[in-house]
PDB file of N, CA and C in Angstrom:
ATOM      1  N   UNK A   1      49.912  55.220 -82.334  1.00  0.00           N
ATOM      2  CA  UNK A   1      48.564  54.954 -81.867  1.00  0.00           C
ATOM      3  C   UNK A   1      48.015  53.670 -82.497  1.00  0.00           C
ATOM      4  N   UNK A   2      48.177  53.544 -83.799  1.00  0.00           N
ATOM      5  CA  UNK A   2      47.703  52.347 -84.473  1.00  0.00           C
ATOM      6  C   UNK A   2      48.457  51.134 -83.968  1.00  0.00           C
ATOM      7  N   UNK A   3      49.746  51.264 -83.746  1.00  0.00           N
ATOM      8  CA  UNK A   3      50.571  50.155 -83.238  1.00  0.00           C
ATOM      9  C   UNK A   3      50.087  49.721 -81.857  1.00  0.00           C
ATOM     10  N   UNK A   4      49.756  50.679 -81.022  1.00  0.00           N
ATOM     11  CA  UNK A   4      49.256  50.384 -79.685  1.00  0.00           C
ATOM     12  C   UNK A   4      47.904  49.672 -79.761  1.00  0.00           C
ATOM     13  N   UNK A   5      47.036  50.154 -80.611  1.00  0.00           N
ATOM     14  CA  UNK A   5      45.719  49.534 -80.777  1.00  0.00           C
ATOM     15  C   UNK A   5      45.859  48.118 -81.332  1.00  0.00           C
ATOM     16  N   UNK A   6      46.770  47.945 -82.277  1.00  0.00           N
ATOM     17  CA  UNK A   6      46.999  46.639 -82.864  1.00  0.00           C
ATOM     18  C   UNK A   6      47.538  45.664 -81.811  1.00  0.00           C
ATOM     19  N   UNK A   7      48.411  46.152 -80.980  1.00  0.00           N
ATOM     20  CA  UNK A   7      48.969  45.325 -79.920  1.00  0.00           C
ATOM     21  C   UNK A   7      47.887  44.906 -78.927  1.00  0.00           C
ATOM     22  N   UNK A   8      47.028  45.846 -78.565  1.00  0.00           N
ATOM     23  CA  UNK A   8      45.924  45.531 -77.656  1.00  0.00           C
ATOM     24  C   UNK A   8      44.979  44.508 -78.294  1.00  0.00           C
ATOM     25  N   UNK A   9      44.697  44.688 -79.591  1.00  0.00           N
ATOM     26  CA  UNK A   9      43.822  43.772 -80.296  1.00  0.00           C
ATOM     27  C   UNK A   9      44.429  42.370 -80.341  1.00  0.00           C
ATOM     28  N   UNK A  10      45.714  42.285 -80.588  1.00  0.00           N
ATOM     29  CA  UNK A  10      46.398  40.986 -80.589  1.00  0.00           C
ATOM     30  C   UNK A  10      46.285  40.309 -79.227  1.00  0.00           C
ATOM     31  N   UNK A  11      46.454  41.100 -78.173  1.00  0.00           N
ATOM     32  CA  UNK A  11      46.352  40.554 -76.821  1.00  0.00           C
ATOM     33  C   UNK A  11      44.933  40.062 -76.531  1.00  0.00           C
ATOM     34  N   UNK A  12      43.939  40.846 -76.959  1.00  0.00           N
ATOM     35  CA  UNK A  12      42.544  40.438 -76.750  1.00  0.00           C
ATOM     36  C   UNK A  12      42.218  39.155 -77.518  1.00  0.00           C
ATOM     37  N   UNK A  13      42.693  39.073 -78.748  1.00  0.00           N
ATOM     38  CA  UNK A  13      42.466  37.861 -79.542  1.00  0.00           C
ATOM     39  C   UNK A  13      43.148  36.672 -78.879  1.00  0.00           C
ATOM     40  N   UNK A  14      44.357  36.874 -78.401  1.00  0.00           N
ATOM     41  CA  UNK A  14      45.079  35.807 -77.705  1.00  0.00           C
ATOM     42  C   UNK A  14      44.323  35.358 -76.459  1.00  0.00           C
ATOM     43  N   UNK A  15      43.808  36.312 -75.698  1.00  0.00           N
ATOM     44  CA  UNK A  15      43.022  35.991 -74.503  1.00  0.00           C
ATOM     45  C   UNK A  15      41.764  35.204 -74.866  1.00  0.00           C
ATOM     46  N   UNK A  16      41.100  35.622 -75.950  1.00  0.00           N
ATOM     47  CA  UNK A  16      39.888  34.929 -76.371  1.00  0.00           C
ATOM     48  C   UNK A  16      40.185  33.506 -76.826  1.00  0.00           C
ATOM     49  N   UNK A  17      41.271  33.314 -77.533  1.00  0.00           N
ATOM     50  CA  UNK A  17      41.654  31.970 -77.971  1.00  0.00           C
ATOM     51  C   UNK A  17      41.947  31.094 -76.760  1.00  0.00           C
ATOM     52  N   UNK A  18      42.620  31.654 -75.765  1.00  0.00           N
ATOM     53  CA  UNK A  18      42.916  30.900 -74.549  1.00  0.00           C
ATOM     54  C   UNK A  18      41.633  30.562 -73.799  1.00  0.00           C
ATOM     55  N   UNK A  19      40.731  31.522 -73.697  1.00  0.00           N
ATOM     56  CA  UNK A  19      39.455  31.266 -73.022  1.00  0.00           C
ATOM     57  C   UNK A  19      38.647  30.206 -73.756  1.00  0.00           C
ATOM     58  N   UNK A  20      38.673  30.261 -75.080  1.00  0.00           N
ATOM     59  CA  UNK A  20      37.958  29.257 -75.866  1.00  0.00           C
ATOM     60  C   UNK A  20      38.520  27.867 -75.567  1.00  0.00           C
ATOM     61  N   UNK A  21      39.832  27.739 -75.535  1.00  0.00           N
ATOM     62  CA  UNK A  21      40.441  26.432 -75.260  1.00  0.00           C
ATOM     63  C   UNK A  21      40.078  25.943 -73.861  1.00  0.00           C
ATOM     64  N   UNK A  22      40.087  26.859 -72.896  1.00  0.00           N
ATOM     65  CA  UNK A  22      39.707  26.486 -71.534  1.00  0.00           C
ATOM     66  C   UNK A  22      38.252  26.019 -71.489  1.00  0.00           C
ATOM     67  N   UNK A  23      37.375  26.712 -72.221  1.00  0.00           N
ATOM     68  CA  UNK A  23      35.964  26.318 -72.262  1.00  0.00           C
ATOM     69  C   UNK A  23      35.787  24.971 -72.947  1.00  0.00           C
ATOM     70  N   UNK A  24      36.547  24.733 -74.013  1.00  0.00           N
ATOM     71  CA  UNK A  24      36.482  23.438 -74.680  1.00  0.00           C
ATOM     72  C   UNK A  24      36.945  22.317 -73.755  1.00  0.00           C
ATOM     73  N   UNK A  25      38.019  22.572 -73.014  1.00  0.00           N
ATOM     74  CA  UNK A  25      38.516  21.581 -72.056  1.00  0.00           C
ATOM     75  C   UNK A  25      37.481  21.304 -70.966  1.00  0.00           C
ATOM     76  N   UNK A  26      36.889  22.365 -70.457  1.00  0.00           N
ATOM     77  CA  UNK A  26      35.862  22.230 -69.419  1.00  0.00           C
ATOM     78  C   UNK A  26      34.658  21.467 -69.971  1.00  0.00           C
ATOM     79  N   UNK A  27      34.266  21.795 -71.187  1.00  0.00           N
ATOM     80  CA  UNK A  27      33.139  21.109 -71.811  1.00  0.00           C
ATOM     81  C   UNK A  27      33.423  19.616 -71.978  1.00  0.00           C
ATOM     82  N   UNK A  28      34.630  19.282 -72.386  1.00  0.00           N
ATOM     83  CA  UNK A  28      35.015  17.879 -72.538  1.00  0.00           C
ATOM     84  C   UNK A  28      34.952  17.162 -71.199  1.00  0.00           C
ATOM     85  N   UNK A  29      35.472  17.807 -70.171  1.00  0.00           N
ATOM     86  CA  UNK A  29      35.457  17.213 -68.825  1.00  0.00           C
ATOM     87  C   UNK A  29      34.023  17.030 -68.327  1.00  0.00           C
ATOM     88  N   UNK A  30      33.189  18.045 -68.527  1.00  0.00           N
ATOM     89  CA  UNK A  30      31.805  17.957 -68.076  1.00  0.00           C
ATOM     90  C   UNK A  30      31.029  16.888 -68.854  1.00  0.00           C
ATOM     91  N   UNK A  31      31.330  16.751 -70.129  1.00  0.00           N
ATOM     92  CA  UNK A  31      30.675  15.706 -70.926  1.00  0.00           C
ATOM     93  C   UNK A  31      31.037  14.325 -70.404  1.00  0.00           C
ATOM     94  N   UNK A  32      32.297  14.143 -70.048  1.00  0.00           N
ATOM     95  CA  UNK A  32      32.730  12.854 -69.492  1.00  0.00           C
ATOM     96  C   UNK A  32      32.058  12.600 -68.150  1.00  0.00           C
ATOM     97  N   UNK A  33      31.973  13.619 -67.312  1.00  0.00           N
ATOM     98  CA  UNK A  33      31.317  13.469 -66.012  1.00  0.00           C
ATOM     99  C   UNK A  33      29.830  13.175 -66.178  1.00  0.00           C
ATOM    100  N   UNK A  34      29.206  13.814 -67.162  1.00  0.00           N
ATOM    101  CA  UNK A  34      27.787  13.565 -67.425  1.00  0.00           C
ATOM    102  C   UNK A  34      27.573  12.124 -67.871  1.00  0.00           C
ATOM    103  N   UNK A  35      28.426  11.640 -68.749  1.00  0.00           N
ATOM    104  CA  UNK A  35      28.315  10.253 -69.206  1.00  0.00           C
ATOM    105  C   UNK A  35      28.467   9.288 -68.034  1.00  0.00           C
ATOM    106  N   UNK A  36      29.407   9.577 -67.151  1.00  0.00           N
ATOM    107  CA  UNK A  36      29.610   8.723 -65.977  1.00  0.00           C
ATOM    108  C   UNK A  36      28.389   8.781 -65.057  1.00  0.00           C
ATOM    109  N   UNK A  37      27.842   9.968 -64.861  1.00  0.00           N
ATOM    110  CA  UNK A  37      26.659  10.114 -64.006  1.00  0.00           C
ATOM    111  C   UNK A  37      25.466   9.362 -64.609  1.00  0.00           C
ATOM    112  N   UNK A  38      25.324   9.409 -65.934  1.00  0.00           N
ATOM    113  CA  UNK A  38      24.236   8.671 -66.581  1.00  0.00           C
ATOM    114  C   UNK A  38      24.411   7.168 -66.377  1.00  0.00           C
ATOM    115  N   UNK A  39      25.644   6.687 -66.515  1.00  0.00           N
ATOM    116  CA  UNK A  39      25.910   5.264 -66.289  1.00  0.00           C
ATOM    117  C   UNK A  39      25.585   4.864 -64.855  1.00  0.00           C
ATOM    118  N   UNK A  40      26.009   5.691 -63.899  1.00  0.00           N
ATOM    119  CA  UNK A  40      25.729   5.409 -62.487  1.00  0.00           C
ATOM    120  C   UNK A  40      24.228   5.431 -62.222  1.00  0.00           C
ATOM    121  N   UNK A  41      23.530   6.382 -62.832  1.00  0.00           N
ATOM    122  CA  UNK A  41      22.083   6.485 -62.655  1.00  0.00           C
ATOM    123  C   UNK A  41      21.393   5.235 -63.200  1.00  0.00           C
ATOM    124  N   UNK A  42      21.810   4.799 -64.376  1.00  0.00           N
ATOM    125  CA  UNK A  42      21.226   3.591 -64.959  1.00  0.00           C
ATOM    126  C   UNK A  42      21.482   2.376 -64.067  1.00  0.00           C
ATOM    127  N   UNK A  43      22.686   2.282 -63.554  1.00  0.00           N
ATOM    128  CA  UNK A  43      23.037   1.174 -62.667  1.00  0.00           C
ATOM    129  C   UNK A  43      22.188   1.202 -61.400  1.00  0.00           C
ATOM    130  N   UNK A  44      22.022   2.380 -60.833  1.00  0.00           N
ATOM    131  CA  UNK A  44      21.204   2.510 -59.624  1.00  0.00           C
ATOM    132  C   UNK A  44      19.746   2.172 -59.899  1.00  0.00           C
ATOM    133  N   UNK A  45      19.246   2.576 -61.058  1.00  0.00           N
ATOM    134  CA  UNK A  45      17.861   2.265 -61.398  1.00  0.00           C
ATOM    135  C   UNK A  45      17.667   0.750 -61.550  1.00  0.00           C
ATOM    136  N   UNK A  46      18.625   0.086 -62.189  1.00  0.00           N
ATOM    137  CA  UNK A  46      18.539  -1.369 -62.319  1.00  0.00           C
ATOM    138  C   UNK A  46      18.592  -2.046 -60.956  1.00  0.00           C
ATOM    139  N   UNK A  47      19.470  -1.548 -60.109  1.00  0.00           N
ATOM    140  CA  UNK A  47      19.585  -2.100 -58.758  1.00  0.00           C
ATOM    141  C   UNK A  47      18.279  -1.909 -57.989  1.00  0.00           C
ATOM    142  N   UNK A  48      17.682  -0.751 -58.123  1.00  0.00           N
ATOM    143  CA  UNK A  48      16.413  -0.471 -57.454  1.00  0.00           C
ATOM    144  C   UNK A  48      15.317  -1.418 -57.946  1.00  0.00           C
ATOM    145  N   UNK A  49      15.260  -1.636 -59.255  1.00  0.00           N
ATOM    146  CA  UNK A  49      14.253  -2.546 -59.795  1.00  0.00           C
ATOM    147  C   UNK A  49      14.469  -3.959 -59.279  1.00  0.00           C
ATOM    148  N   UNK A  50      15.730  -4.388 -59.191  1.00  0.00           N
ATOM    149  CA  UNK A  50      16.024  -5.720 -58.655  1.00  0.00           C
ATOM    150  C   UNK A  50      15.581  -5.828 -57.199  1.00  0.00           C
ATOM    151  N   UNK A  51      15.852  -4.781 -56.421  1.00  0.00           N
ATOM    152  CA  UNK A  51      15.459  -4.786 -55.014  1.00  0.00           C
ATOM    153  C   UNK A  51      13.941  -4.813 -54.874  1.00  0.00           C
ATOM    154  N   UNK A  52      13.259  -4.054 -55.734  1.00  0.00           N
ATOM    155  CA  UNK A  52      11.794  -4.046 -55.675  1.00  0.00           C
ATOM    156  C   UNK A  52      11.238  -5.429 -56.002  1.00  0.00           C
ATOM    157  N   UNK A  53      11.853  -6.107 -56.982  1.00  0.00           N
ATOM    158  CA  UNK A  53      11.421  -7.466 -57.317  1.00  0.00           C
ATOM    159  C   UNK A  53      11.633  -8.404 -56.138  1.00  0.00           C
ATOM    160  N   UNK A  54      12.792  -8.295 -55.481  1.00  0.00           N
ATOM    161  CA  UNK A  54      13.074  -9.144 -54.322  1.00  0.00           C
ATOM    162  C   UNK A  54      12.089  -8.866 -53.200  1.00  0.00           C
ATOM    163  N   UNK A  55      11.796  -7.595 -52.962  1.00  0.00           N
ATOM    164  CA  UNK A  55      10.852  -7.243 -51.906  1.00  0.00           C
ATOM    165  C   UNK A  55       9.460  -7.771 -52.232  1.00  0.00           C
ATOM    166  N   UNK A  56       9.091  -7.694 -53.513  1.00  0.00           N
ATOM    167  CA  UNK A  56       7.788  -8.219 -53.920  1.00  0.00           C
ATOM    168  C   UNK A  56       7.710  -9.719 -53.707  1.00  0.00           C
ATOM    169  N   UNK A  57       8.789 -10.414 -54.058  1.00  0.00           N
ATOM    170  CA  UNK A  57       8.818 -11.873 -53.866  1.00  0.00           C
ATOM    171  C   UNK A  57       8.779 -12.219 -52.385  1.00  0.00           C
ATOM    172  N   UNK A  58       9.510 -11.460 -51.589  1.00  0.00           N
ATOM    173  CA  UNK A  58       9.515 -11.702 -50.145  1.00  0.00           C
ATOM    174  C   UNK A  58       8.135 -11.441 -49.550  1.00  0.00           C
ATOM    175  N   UNK A  59       7.508 -10.362 -49.980  1.00  0.00           N
ATOM    176  CA  UNK A  59       6.160 -10.049 -49.481  1.00  0.00           C
ATOM    177  C   UNK A  59       5.177 -11.143 -49.864  1.00  0.00           C
ATOM    178  N   UNK A  60       5.300 -11.673 -51.071  1.00  0.00           N
ATOM    179  CA  UNK A  60       4.404 -12.752 -51.505  1.00  0.00           C
ATOM    180  C   UNK A  60       4.623 -14.005 -50.671  1.00  0.00           C
ATOM    181  N   UNK A  61       5.880 -14.305 -50.373  1.00  0.00           N
ATOM    182  CA  UNK A  61       6.173 -15.481 -49.540  1.00  0.00           C
ATOM    183  C   UNK A  61       5.608 -15.311 -48.129  1.00  0.00           C
ATOM    184  N   UNK A  62       5.789 -14.122 -47.587  1.00  0.00           N
ATOM    185  CA  UNK A  62       5.270 -13.851 -46.237  1.00  0.00           C
ATOM    186  C   UNK A  62       3.745 -13.958 -46.243  1.00  0.00           C
ATOM    187  N   UNK A  63       3.120 -13.380 -47.270  1.00  0.00           N
ATOM    188  CA  UNK A  63       1.655 -13.451 -47.362  1.00  0.00           C
ATOM    189  C   UNK A  63       1.197 -14.899 -47.463  1.00  0.00           C
ATOM    190  N   UNK A  64       1.908 -15.718 -48.233  1.00  0.00           N
ATOM    191  CA  UNK A  64       1.548 -17.133 -48.364  1.00  0.00           C
ATOM    192  C   UNK A  64       1.692 -17.846 -47.027  1.00  0.00           C
ATOM    193  N   UNK A  65       2.745 -17.523 -46.277  1.00  0.00           N
ATOM    194  CA  UNK A  65       2.930 -18.135 -44.956  1.00  0.00           C
ATOM    195  C   UNK A  65       1.819 -17.723 -44.002  1.00  0.00           C
ATOM    196  N   UNK A  66       1.453 -16.461 -44.038  1.00  0.00           N
ATOM    197  CA  UNK A  66       0.371 -15.975 -43.173  1.00  0.00           C
ATOM    198  C   UNK A  66      -0.930 -16.671 -43.522  1.00  0.00           C
ATOM    199  N   UNK A  67      -1.190 -16.840 -44.805  1.00  0.00           N
ATOM    200  CA  UNK A  67      -2.411 -17.526 -45.219  1.00  0.00           C
ATOM    201  C   UNK A  67      -2.394 -18.986 -44.786  1.00  0.00           C
ATOM    202  N   UNK A  68      -1.231 -19.632 -44.884  1.00  0.00           N
ATOM    203  CA  UNK A  68      -1.127 -21.026 -44.439  1.00  0.00           C
ATOM    204  C   UNK A  68      -1.404 -21.147 -42.948  1.00  0.00           C
ATOM    205  N   UNK A  69      -0.873 -20.215 -42.178  1.00  0.00           N
ATOM    206  CA  UNK A  69      -1.068 -20.244 -40.727  1.00  0.00           C
ATOM    207  C   UNK A  69      -2.529 -19.996 -40.389  1.00  0.00           C
ATOM    208  N   UNK A  70      -3.155 -19.073 -41.073  1.00  0.00           N
ATOM    209  CA  UNK A  70      -4.553 -18.748 -40.754  1.00  0.00           C
ATOM    210  C   UNK A  70      -5.508 -19.829 -41.218  1.00  0.00           C
ATOM    211  N   UNK A  71      -5.156 -20.601 -42.218  1.00  0.00           N
ATOM    212  CA  UNK A  71      -6.029 -21.654 -42.730  1.00  0.00           C
ATOM    213  C   UNK A  71      -5.811 -22.959 -41.967  1.00  0.00           C
ATOM    214  N   UNK A  72      -4.590 -23.220 -41.570  1.00  0.00           N
ATOM    215  CA  UNK A  72      -4.264 -24.485 -40.884  1.00  0.00           C
ATOM    216  C   UNK A  72      -4.877 -24.528 -39.493  1.00  0.00           C
ATOM    217  N   UNK A  73      -5.410 -25.696 -39.131  1.00  0.00           N
ATOM    218  CA  UNK A  73      -5.942 -25.804 -37.745  1.00  0.00           C
ATOM    219  C   UNK A  73      -4.767 -25.824 -36.759  1.00  0.00           C
ATOM    220  N   UNK A  74      -5.002 -25.260 -35.637  1.00  0.00           N
ATOM    221  CA  UNK A  74      -3.987 -25.214 -34.588  1.00  0.00           C
ATOM    222  C   UNK A  74      -4.064 -26.509 -33.787  1.00  0.00           C
ATOM    223  N   UNK A  75      -2.970 -27.228 -33.684  1.00  0.00           N
ATOM    224  CA  UNK A  75      -2.907 -28.461 -32.888  1.00  0.00           C
ATOM    225  C   UNK A  75      -2.350 -28.141 -31.516  1.00  0.00           C
ATOM    226  N   UNK A  76      -3.220 -27.996 -30.576  1.00  0.00           N
ATOM    227  CA  UNK A  76      -2.769 -27.632 -29.256  1.00  0.00           C
ATOM    228  C   UNK A  76      -2.878 -28.770 -28.288  1.00  0.00           C
TER     229      UNK A  76
END
């Protein structure tokens, strides 16, 4: 009886050690994926800010052109 219980306990400990290793591997993989996602997010945020700056500059140029047209006399 004790031998059987000891054998079962050894198997359970072995299973737990294997599960721990699998969880550590998964955690390592998820940490790497998280780091990559953070890098991609930062890159996208920088790209968005650049696009917003370009749109702002374009809007300012368009507004300046509209003002020039509205102020300039029409030569017909």
